[in-house]
Amino acid sequence: MTARSEFTAEERNLLVRLPRWLVGAASTVHDDGATRNQQKLDNGLLAVANGRTMDNPLVAELAATAVKVYDDDPKASGVDPTTPEGRELVIGYAQTAMTILRTKAEDADALAYRRWLLDITDFVITDVRHERIGFGGVHVHPDEKQFRDRLSQVTRAALSS
């Protein structure tokens, strides 16, 4: 595991805040109405918190801190994940985070962090929508799938470059 001192304060802040920004971005790619949009944010909090139980100590530590700042308004940090521009910024920050981890962390840490980001996104966008496809069906809107695919691509590319 990478020691806390190996990341600058700015890098650590990015690694901690990115999951919340990601929740905001993934939850607004497709508008499902006020109730379901709130459910997406709530699901996001659970997904961020689930990182605390991952086998990877770095991700568990980052997740514990991310939960503490989850309620901070992303806009206060200069990221508005509810806009198309903000979502692009979040994707860019995800790429930056993976580059930081690739250069300063063990491969296992970087891979675990990437997995956590994808798990968060999956948990936010995979919503049961009974009335659309039948009881118990899961539907991911094409815009949500495209966002998730872009996140997967940029984080994978950042690890391999």
N, C-alpha and C. Protein backbone atom coordinates (compact mmCIF):
# COMPACT_ATOMS: atom_id res chain seq x y z
N MET A 1 0.84 -1.18 0.00
CA MET A 1 0.00 0.00 0.00
C MET A 1 0.88 1.24 0.00
N THR A 2 0.43 2.27 -0.67
CA THR A 2 1.16 3.51 -0.73
C THR A 2 0.97 4.27 0.58
N ALA A 3 2.02 4.80 1.11
CA ALA A 3 1.94 5.57 2.34
C ALA A 3 1.27 6.92 2.08
N ARG A 4 0.58 7.41 3.07
CA ARG A 4 -0.13 8.69 2.97
C ARG A 4 0.79 9.80 2.48
N SER A 5 2.02 9.82 2.94
CA SER A 5 2.93 10.91 2.62
C SER A 5 3.37 10.93 1.15
N GLU A 6 3.16 9.86 0.44
CA GLU A 6 3.60 9.82 -0.96
C GLU A 6 2.69 10.61 -1.89
N PHE A 7 1.47 10.90 -1.47
CA PHE A 7 0.58 11.73 -2.28
C PHE A 7 0.65 13.15 -1.76
N THR A 8 0.64 14.11 -2.68
CA THR A 8 0.54 15.49 -2.24
C THR A 8 -0.87 15.70 -1.69
N ALA A 9 -1.07 16.80 -1.00
CA ALA A 9 -2.40 17.12 -0.47
C ALA A 9 -3.41 17.25 -1.61
N GLU A 10 -2.98 17.84 -2.71
CA GLU A 10 -3.86 18.00 -3.87
C GLU A 10 -4.23 16.65 -4.49
N GLU A 11 -3.26 15.76 -4.60
CA GLU A 11 -3.53 14.42 -5.16
C GLU A 11 -4.48 13.64 -4.27
N ARG A 12 -4.22 13.68 -2.96
CA ARG A 12 -5.08 12.96 -2.02
C ARG A 12 -6.50 13.52 -2.07
N ASN A 13 -6.62 14.84 -2.15
CA ASN A 13 -7.93 15.47 -2.23
C ASN A 13 -8.68 14.97 -3.47
N LEU A 14 -7.99 14.89 -4.60
CA LEU A 14 -8.61 14.38 -5.82
C LEU A 14 -9.07 12.94 -5.63
N LEU A 15 -8.22 12.09 -5.09
CA LEU A 15 -8.56 10.68 -4.90
C LEU A 15 -9.74 10.50 -3.95
N VAL A 16 -9.87 11.38 -2.97
CA VAL A 16 -10.96 11.29 -2.00
C VAL A 16 -12.26 11.86 -2.56
N ARG A 17 -12.19 12.96 -3.29
CA ARG A 17 -13.41 13.62 -3.77
C ARG A 17 -13.95 13.06 -5.08
N LEU A 18 -13.10 12.44 -5.87
CA LEU A 18 -13.53 11.91 -7.16
C LEU A 18 -14.74 10.97 -7.05
N PRO A 19 -14.79 10.06 -6.09
CA PRO A 19 -15.97 9.18 -6.03
C PRO A 19 -17.29 9.94 -5.90
N ARG A 20 -17.33 11.01 -5.10
CA ARG A 20 -18.56 11.80 -4.97
C ARG A 20 -18.88 12.52 -6.26
N TRP A 21 -17.85 13.07 -6.90
CA TRP A 21 -18.07 13.74 -8.18
C TRP A 21 -18.61 12.75 -9.20
N LEU A 22 -18.08 11.54 -9.15
CA LEU A 22 -18.51 10.49 -10.06
C LEU A 22 -19.99 10.15 -9.84
N VAL A 23 -20.39 10.06 -8.58
CA VAL A 23 -21.80 9.81 -8.27
C VAL A 23 -22.67 10.91 -8.86
N GLY A 24 -22.26 12.15 -8.66
CA GLY A 24 -23.03 13.27 -9.21
C GLY A 24 -23.13 13.21 -10.72
N ALA A 25 -22.03 12.88 -11.36
CA ALA A 25 -22.02 12.80 -12.82
C ALA A 25 -22.87 11.63 -13.32
N ALA A 26 -22.66 10.45 -12.76
CA ALA A 26 -23.39 9.27 -13.21
C ALA A 26 -24.89 9.41 -12.95
N SER A 27 -25.25 10.08 -11.88
CA SER A 27 -26.67 10.19 -11.53
C SER A 27 -27.41 11.21 -12.39
N THR A 28 -26.68 12.07 -13.08
CA THR A 28 -27.34 13.10 -13.89
C THR A 28 -27.18 12.91 -15.39
N VAL A 29 -26.51 11.85 -15.79
CA VAL A 29 -26.36 11.58 -17.22
C VAL A 29 -27.74 11.43 -17.87
N HIS A 30 -28.64 10.78 -17.14
CA HIS A 30 -30.02 10.60 -17.61
C HIS A 30 -30.96 10.98 -16.47
N ASP A 31 -31.90 11.86 -16.75
CA ASP A 31 -32.85 12.32 -15.73
C ASP A 31 -33.98 11.31 -15.59
N ASP A 32 -34.08 10.74 -14.40
CA ASP A 32 -35.14 9.77 -14.12
C ASP A 32 -36.22 10.35 -13.23
N GLY A 33 -36.22 11.65 -13.05
CA GLY A 33 -37.19 12.28 -12.16
C GLY A 33 -36.61 12.44 -10.76
N ALA A 34 -37.21 13.32 -10.00
CA ALA A 34 -36.65 13.71 -8.70
C ALA A 34 -36.45 12.53 -7.75
N THR A 35 -37.43 11.67 -7.64
CA THR A 35 -37.34 10.56 -6.69
C THR A 35 -36.23 9.60 -7.06
N ARG A 36 -36.20 9.19 -8.31
CA ARG A 36 -35.17 8.24 -8.73
C ARG A 36 -33.78 8.88 -8.76
N ASN A 37 -33.71 10.16 -9.10
CA ASN A 37 -32.41 10.83 -9.07
C ASN A 37 -31.87 10.86 -7.65
N GLN A 38 -32.75 11.10 -6.67
CA GLN A 38 -32.31 11.07 -5.27
C GLN A 38 -31.88 9.67 -4.87
N GLN A 39 -32.61 8.67 -5.37
CA GLN A 39 -32.23 7.28 -5.08
C GLN A 39 -30.84 6.98 -5.64
N LYS A 40 -30.53 7.53 -6.80
CA LYS A 40 -29.20 7.33 -7.39
C LYS A 40 -28.12 7.92 -6.47
N LEU A 41 -28.38 9.12 -5.94
CA LEU A 41 -27.41 9.74 -5.02
C LEU A 41 -27.25 8.91 -3.75
N ASP A 42 -28.37 8.39 -3.25
CA ASP A 42 -28.31 7.54 -2.06
C ASP A 42 -27.55 6.25 -2.36
N ASN A 43 -27.81 5.67 -3.52
CA ASN A 43 -27.07 4.47 -3.93
C ASN A 43 -25.58 4.78 -4.05
N GLY A 44 -25.28 5.98 -4.54
CA GLY A 44 -23.89 6.39 -4.66
C GLY A 44 -23.18 6.45 -3.32
N LEU A 45 -23.86 6.98 -2.32
CA LEU A 45 -23.28 7.03 -0.98
C LEU A 45 -22.97 5.62 -0.49
N LEU A 46 -23.90 4.71 -0.70
CA LEU A 46 -23.66 3.31 -0.29
C LEU A 46 -22.48 2.71 -1.04
N ALA A 47 -22.39 2.99 -2.32
CA ALA A 47 -21.29 2.45 -3.12
C ALA A 47 -19.95 3.03 -2.68
N VAL A 48 -19.93 4.31 -2.39
CA VAL A 48 -18.69 4.92 -1.89
C VAL A 48 -18.31 4.28 -0.56
N ALA A 49 -19.29 4.14 0.32
CA ALA A 49 -19.05 3.54 1.64
C ALA A 49 -18.59 2.09 1.52
N ASN A 50 -19.08 1.37 0.53
CA ASN A 50 -18.66 -0.02 0.34
C ASN A 50 -17.16 -0.14 0.11
N GLY A 51 -16.54 0.91 -0.37
CA GLY A 51 -15.10 0.89 -0.56
C GLY A 51 -14.34 0.65 0.74
N ARG A 52 -14.97 1.00 1.88
CA ARG A 52 -14.31 0.81 3.18
C ARG A 52 -14.11 -0.66 3.50
N THR A 53 -14.87 -1.53 2.85
CA THR A 53 -14.77 -2.96 3.14
C THR A 53 -13.97 -3.72 2.09
N MET A 54 -13.40 -2.99 1.15
CA MET A 54 -12.59 -3.66 0.13
C MET A 54 -11.32 -4.21 0.75
N ASP A 55 -10.80 -5.25 0.14
CA ASP A 55 -9.58 -5.88 0.64
C ASP A 55 -8.34 -5.00 0.47
N ASN A 56 -8.46 -3.95 -0.31
CA ASN A 56 -7.31 -3.09 -0.57
C ASN A 56 -7.24 -1.99 0.49
N PRO A 57 -6.18 -1.93 1.28
CA PRO A 57 -6.08 -0.93 2.36
C PRO A 57 -6.12 0.52 1.87
N LEU A 58 -5.52 0.81 0.73
CA LEU A 58 -5.54 2.18 0.24
C LEU A 58 -6.96 2.60 -0.11
N VAL A 59 -7.68 1.77 -0.84
CA VAL A 59 -9.06 2.11 -1.20
C VAL A 59 -9.92 2.21 0.05
N ALA A 60 -9.74 1.31 0.99
CA ALA A 60 -10.52 1.36 2.23
C ALA A 60 -10.28 2.68 2.96
N GLU A 61 -9.03 3.12 3.00
CA GLU A 61 -8.70 4.39 3.65
C GLU A 61 -9.31 5.57 2.90
N LEU A 62 -9.17 5.58 1.58
CA LEU A 62 -9.74 6.67 0.79
C LEU A 62 -11.25 6.70 0.91
N ALA A 63 -11.87 5.53 0.93
CA ALA A 63 -13.33 5.46 1.05
C ALA A 63 -13.80 5.99 2.39
N ALA A 64 -13.09 5.68 3.46
CA ALA A 64 -13.47 6.18 4.78
C ALA A 64 -13.47 7.70 4.80
N THR A 65 -12.48 8.29 4.16
CA THR A 65 -12.42 9.76 4.10
C THR A 65 -13.47 10.29 3.13
N ALA A 66 -13.70 9.60 2.03
CA ALA A 66 -14.70 10.03 1.05
C ALA A 66 -16.10 10.09 1.66
N VAL A 67 -16.41 9.15 2.53
CA VAL A 67 -17.72 9.15 3.19
C VAL A 67 -17.86 10.40 4.06
N LYS A 68 -16.79 10.79 4.70
CA LYS A 68 -16.84 11.97 5.58
C LYS A 68 -17.12 13.26 4.82
N VAL A 69 -16.69 13.33 3.56
CA VAL A 69 -16.89 14.55 2.77
C VAL A 69 -17.99 14.40 1.73
N TYR A 70 -18.73 13.30 1.77
CA TYR A 70 -19.73 13.00 0.75
C TYR A 70 -20.78 14.11 0.63
N ASP A 71 -21.19 14.68 1.75
CA ASP A 71 -22.24 15.69 1.72
C ASP A 71 -21.75 17.07 1.30
N ASP A 72 -20.44 17.24 1.15
CA ASP A 72 -19.92 18.52 0.67
C ASP A 72 -20.41 18.75 -0.76
N ASP A 73 -20.83 19.94 -1.04
CA ASP A 73 -21.33 20.28 -2.37
C ASP A 73 -20.18 20.22 -3.38
N PRO A 74 -20.29 19.35 -4.38
CA PRO A 74 -19.22 19.26 -5.39
C PRO A 74 -18.93 20.60 -6.06
N LYS A 75 -19.95 21.44 -6.21
CA LYS A 75 -19.76 22.73 -6.87
C LYS A 75 -18.81 23.62 -6.07
N ALA A 76 -18.76 23.43 -4.76
CA ALA A 76 -17.87 24.23 -3.92
C ALA A 76 -16.40 23.95 -4.23
N SER A 77 -16.12 22.78 -4.80
CA SER A 77 -14.75 22.43 -5.16
C SER A 77 -14.47 22.70 -6.63
N GLY A 78 -15.41 23.37 -7.29
CA GLY A 78 -15.19 23.75 -8.68
C GLY A 78 -15.63 22.72 -9.70
N VAL A 79 -16.36 21.71 -9.24
CA VAL A 79 -16.84 20.67 -10.14
C VAL A 79 -18.37 20.63 -10.07
N ASP A 80 -19.02 20.86 -11.19
CA ASP A 80 -20.48 20.74 -11.25
C ASP A 80 -20.81 19.52 -12.11
N PRO A 81 -20.92 18.35 -11.47
CA PRO A 81 -21.14 17.12 -12.23
C PRO A 81 -22.52 17.02 -12.87
N THR A 82 -23.38 18.01 -12.62
CA THR A 82 -24.72 17.96 -13.20
C THR A 82 -24.78 18.51 -14.61
N THR A 83 -23.69 19.08 -15.08
CA THR A 83 -23.66 19.65 -16.43
C THR A 83 -22.81 18.76 -17.34
N PRO A 84 -23.05 18.83 -18.64
CA PRO A 84 -22.20 18.05 -19.56
C PRO A 84 -20.72 18.41 -19.41
N GLU A 85 -20.43 19.67 -19.22
CA GLU A 85 -19.04 20.10 -19.05
C GLU A 85 -18.45 19.52 -17.77
N GLY A 86 -19.27 19.54 -16.72
CA GLY A 86 -18.83 18.98 -15.43
C GLY A 86 -18.59 17.49 -15.51
N ARG A 87 -19.44 16.78 -16.24
CA ARG A 87 -19.24 15.34 -16.41
C ARG A 87 -17.95 15.06 -17.16
N GLU A 88 -17.64 15.88 -18.16
CA GLU A 88 -16.38 15.74 -18.88
C GLU A 88 -15.20 15.99 -17.95
N LEU A 89 -15.35 16.97 -17.08
CA LEU A 89 -14.31 17.27 -16.11
C LEU A 89 -14.09 16.08 -15.17
N VAL A 90 -15.17 15.44 -14.75
CA VAL A 90 -15.07 14.27 -13.87
C VAL A 90 -14.34 13.14 -14.59
N ILE A 91 -14.66 12.90 -15.85
CA ILE A 91 -13.95 11.88 -16.63
C ILE A 91 -12.46 12.22 -16.70
N GLY A 92 -12.15 13.47 -16.93
CA GLY A 92 -10.75 13.90 -16.97
C GLY A 92 -10.06 13.71 -15.64
N TYR A 93 -10.76 14.01 -14.55
CA TYR A 93 -10.18 13.81 -13.22
C TYR A 93 -9.97 12.32 -12.93
N ALA A 94 -10.87 11.49 -13.43
CA ALA A 94 -10.68 10.04 -13.25
C ALA A 94 -9.41 9.58 -13.95
N GLN A 95 -9.19 10.09 -15.13
CA GLN A 95 -7.96 9.77 -15.86
C GLN A 95 -6.74 10.26 -15.10
N THR A 96 -6.82 11.47 -14.56
CA THR A 96 -5.71 12.03 -13.78
C THR A 96 -5.46 11.19 -12.53
N ALA A 97 -6.52 10.79 -11.86
CA ALA A 97 -6.38 9.97 -10.65
C ALA A 97 -5.67 8.66 -10.97
N MET A 98 -6.02 8.05 -12.08
CA MET A 98 -5.39 6.78 -12.45
C MET A 98 -3.92 6.99 -12.80
N THR A 99 -3.61 8.12 -13.42
CA THR A 99 -2.21 8.43 -13.74
C THR A 99 -1.41 8.61 -12.45
N ILE A 100 -1.99 9.31 -11.49
CA ILE A 100 -1.33 9.48 -10.19
C ILE A 100 -1.07 8.13 -9.55
N LEU A 101 -2.08 7.29 -9.54
CA LEU A 101 -1.94 5.97 -8.91
C LEU A 101 -0.94 5.10 -9.66
N ARG A 102 -0.94 5.20 -10.97
CA ARG A 102 0.00 4.40 -11.76
C ARG A 102 1.44 4.76 -11.42
N THR A 103 1.68 6.04 -11.16
CA THR A 103 3.05 6.48 -10.91
C THR A 103 3.45 6.43 -9.45
N LYS A 104 2.48 6.49 -8.53
CA LYS A 104 2.82 6.60 -7.11
C LYS A 104 2.33 5.45 -6.24
N ALA A 105 1.59 4.53 -6.80
CA ALA A 105 1.02 3.45 -6.00
C ALA A 105 1.40 2.10 -6.60
N GLU A 106 1.15 1.08 -5.86
CA GLU A 106 1.32 -0.28 -6.35
C GLU A 106 0.25 -0.56 -7.41
N ASP A 107 0.55 -1.47 -8.32
CA ASP A 107 -0.43 -1.84 -9.34
C ASP A 107 -1.74 -2.30 -8.72
N ALA A 108 -1.65 -3.07 -7.66
CA ALA A 108 -2.86 -3.59 -6.99
C ALA A 108 -3.72 -2.45 -6.46
N ASP A 109 -3.09 -1.39 -5.96
CA ASP A 109 -3.83 -0.23 -5.46
C ASP A 109 -4.55 0.48 -6.60
N ALA A 110 -3.85 0.69 -7.69
CA ALA A 110 -4.45 1.38 -8.84
C ALA A 110 -5.61 0.57 -9.41
N LEU A 111 -5.42 -0.73 -9.54
CA LEU A 111 -6.50 -1.58 -10.07
C LEU A 111 -7.70 -1.61 -9.13
N ALA A 112 -7.45 -1.66 -7.83
CA ALA A 112 -8.55 -1.67 -6.86
C ALA A 112 -9.31 -0.35 -6.88
N TYR A 113 -8.61 0.76 -7.00
CA TYR A 113 -9.26 2.06 -7.07
C TYR A 113 -10.12 2.16 -8.33
N ARG A 114 -9.57 1.70 -9.45
CA ARG A 114 -10.34 1.70 -10.70
C ARG A 114 -11.59 0.85 -10.56
N ARG A 115 -11.44 -0.32 -9.98
CA ARG A 115 -12.59 -1.21 -9.77
C ARG A 115 -13.65 -0.53 -8.91
N TRP A 116 -13.19 0.18 -7.86
CA TRP A 116 -14.10 0.89 -6.98
C TRP A 116 -14.87 1.96 -7.75
N LEU A 117 -14.19 2.73 -8.58
CA LEU A 117 -14.86 3.76 -9.37
C LEU A 117 -15.92 3.15 -10.29
N LEU A 118 -15.58 2.05 -10.94
CA LEU A 118 -16.54 1.39 -11.84
C LEU A 118 -17.70 0.79 -11.04
N ASP A 119 -17.41 0.23 -9.87
CA ASP A 119 -18.48 -0.31 -9.03
C ASP A 119 -19.44 0.79 -8.59
N ILE A 120 -18.89 1.94 -8.22
CA ILE A 120 -19.72 3.08 -7.83
C ILE A 120 -20.65 3.45 -8.99
N THR A 121 -20.06 3.60 -10.16
CA THR A 121 -20.85 3.98 -11.33
C THR A 121 -21.93 2.94 -11.63
N ASP A 122 -21.56 1.67 -11.58
CA ASP A 122 -22.54 0.61 -11.83
C ASP A 122 -23.69 0.67 -10.83
N PHE A 123 -23.36 0.89 -9.57
CA PHE A 123 -24.37 0.91 -8.53
C PHE A 123 -25.32 2.09 -8.71
N VAL A 124 -24.80 3.22 -9.18
CA VAL A 124 -25.62 4.40 -9.39
C VAL A 124 -26.53 4.24 -10.60
N ILE A 125 -26.01 3.73 -11.70
CA ILE A 125 -26.80 3.70 -12.94
C ILE A 125 -27.65 2.46 -13.12
N THR A 126 -27.37 1.42 -12.37
CA THR A 126 -28.15 0.20 -12.49
C THR A 126 -29.31 0.29 -11.53
N ASP A 127 -30.39 0.82 -12.02
CA ASP A 127 -31.56 1.09 -11.20
C ASP A 127 -32.71 0.20 -11.67
N VAL A 128 -33.45 -0.37 -10.73
CA VAL A 128 -34.61 -1.17 -11.10
C VAL A 128 -35.72 -0.23 -11.52
N ARG A 129 -36.19 -0.44 -12.71
CA ARG A 129 -37.26 0.40 -13.26
C ARG A 129 -38.38 -0.53 -13.71
N HIS A 130 -39.22 -0.93 -12.77
CA HIS A 130 -40.24 -1.95 -13.03
C HIS A 130 -41.17 -1.61 -14.19
N GLU A 131 -41.62 -0.37 -14.26
CA GLU A 131 -42.62 -0.04 -15.25
C GLU A 131 -42.09 -0.05 -16.68
N ARG A 132 -40.80 -0.02 -16.86
CA ARG A 132 -40.26 0.04 -18.21
C ARG A 132 -40.05 -1.33 -18.84
N ILE A 133 -39.59 -2.27 -18.06
CA ILE A 133 -39.27 -3.56 -18.68
C ILE A 133 -39.80 -4.75 -17.89
N GLY A 134 -40.70 -4.52 -16.99
CA GLY A 134 -41.29 -5.63 -16.26
C GLY A 134 -40.70 -5.77 -14.87
N PHE A 135 -41.38 -6.47 -14.04
CA PHE A 135 -41.01 -6.62 -12.64
C PHE A 135 -39.61 -7.21 -12.51
N GLY A 136 -38.80 -6.53 -11.73
CA GLY A 136 -37.47 -7.04 -11.44
C GLY A 136 -36.44 -6.80 -12.52
N GLY A 137 -36.82 -6.16 -13.61
CA GLY A 137 -35.87 -5.93 -14.69
C GLY A 137 -34.92 -4.80 -14.37
N VAL A 138 -33.75 -4.86 -14.94
CA VAL A 138 -32.77 -3.80 -14.78
C VAL A 138 -32.56 -3.15 -16.13
N HIS A 139 -32.62 -1.84 -16.14
CA HIS A 139 -32.45 -1.10 -17.39
C HIS A 139 -31.40 -0.03 -17.18
N VAL A 140 -30.44 0.02 -18.07
CA VAL A 140 -29.46 1.08 -18.04
C VAL A 140 -29.69 1.90 -19.30
N HIS A 141 -29.95 3.17 -19.10
CA HIS A 141 -30.18 4.06 -20.24
C HIS A 141 -28.91 4.12 -21.10
N PRO A 142 -29.06 4.22 -22.41
CA PRO A 142 -27.88 4.27 -23.30
C PRO A 142 -26.89 5.39 -22.93
N ASP A 143 -27.39 6.53 -22.48
CA ASP A 143 -26.48 7.62 -22.08
C ASP A 143 -25.67 7.23 -20.85
N GLU A 144 -26.30 6.50 -19.93
CA GLU A 144 -25.59 6.03 -18.74
C GLU A 144 -24.53 5.00 -19.11
N LYS A 145 -24.91 4.10 -20.02
CA LYS A 145 -23.96 3.08 -20.47
C LYS A 145 -22.77 3.74 -21.17
N GLN A 146 -23.04 4.75 -21.98
CA GLN A 146 -21.95 5.45 -22.67
C GLN A 146 -21.02 6.13 -21.66
N PHE A 147 -21.59 6.74 -20.62
CA PHE A 147 -20.76 7.38 -19.59
C PHE A 147 -19.89 6.34 -18.91
N ARG A 148 -20.47 5.22 -18.55
CA ARG A 148 -19.72 4.15 -17.86
C ARG A 148 -18.63 3.61 -18.77
N ASP A 149 -18.95 3.42 -20.04
CA ASP A 149 -17.95 2.91 -20.99
C ASP A 149 -16.79 3.89 -21.14
N ARG A 150 -17.08 5.18 -21.19
CA ARG A 150 -16.00 6.19 -21.30
C ARG A 150 -15.12 6.16 -20.06
N LEU A 151 -15.76 6.06 -18.89
CA LEU A 151 -14.99 5.98 -17.65
C LEU A 151 -14.08 4.76 -17.67
N SER A 152 -14.61 3.65 -18.09
CA SER A 152 -13.82 2.42 -18.16
C SER A 152 -12.64 2.58 -19.12
N GLN A 153 -12.89 3.16 -20.28
CA GLN A 153 -11.84 3.34 -21.28
C GLN A 153 -10.73 4.26 -20.80
N VAL A 154 -11.10 5.43 -20.24
CA VAL A 154 -10.05 6.37 -19.86
C VAL A 154 -9.25 5.88 -18.65
N THR A 155 -9.90 5.18 -17.75
CA THR A 155 -9.15 4.68 -16.59
C THR A 155 -8.26 3.51 -16.97
N ARG A 156 -8.72 2.69 -17.91
CA ARG A 156 -7.87 1.59 -18.40
C ARG A 156 -6.67 2.14 -19.17
N ALA A 157 -6.93 3.13 -20.02
CA ALA A 157 -5.85 3.72 -20.82
C ALA A 157 -4.82 4.40 -19.93
N ALA A 158 -5.27 5.05 -18.88
CA ALA A 158 -4.33 5.74 -17.98
C ALA A 158 -3.43 4.75 -17.25
N LEU A 159 -3.94 3.56 -17.00
CA LEU A 159 -3.13 2.55 -16.33
C LEU A 159 -2.10 1.93 -17.26
N SER A 160 -2.40 1.89 -18.55
CA SER A 160 -1.50 1.22 -19.47
C SER A 160 -0.52 2.16 -20.17
N SER A 161 -0.69 3.46 -20.00
CA SER A 161 0.21 4.37 -20.71
C SER A 161 1.49 4.63 -19.94
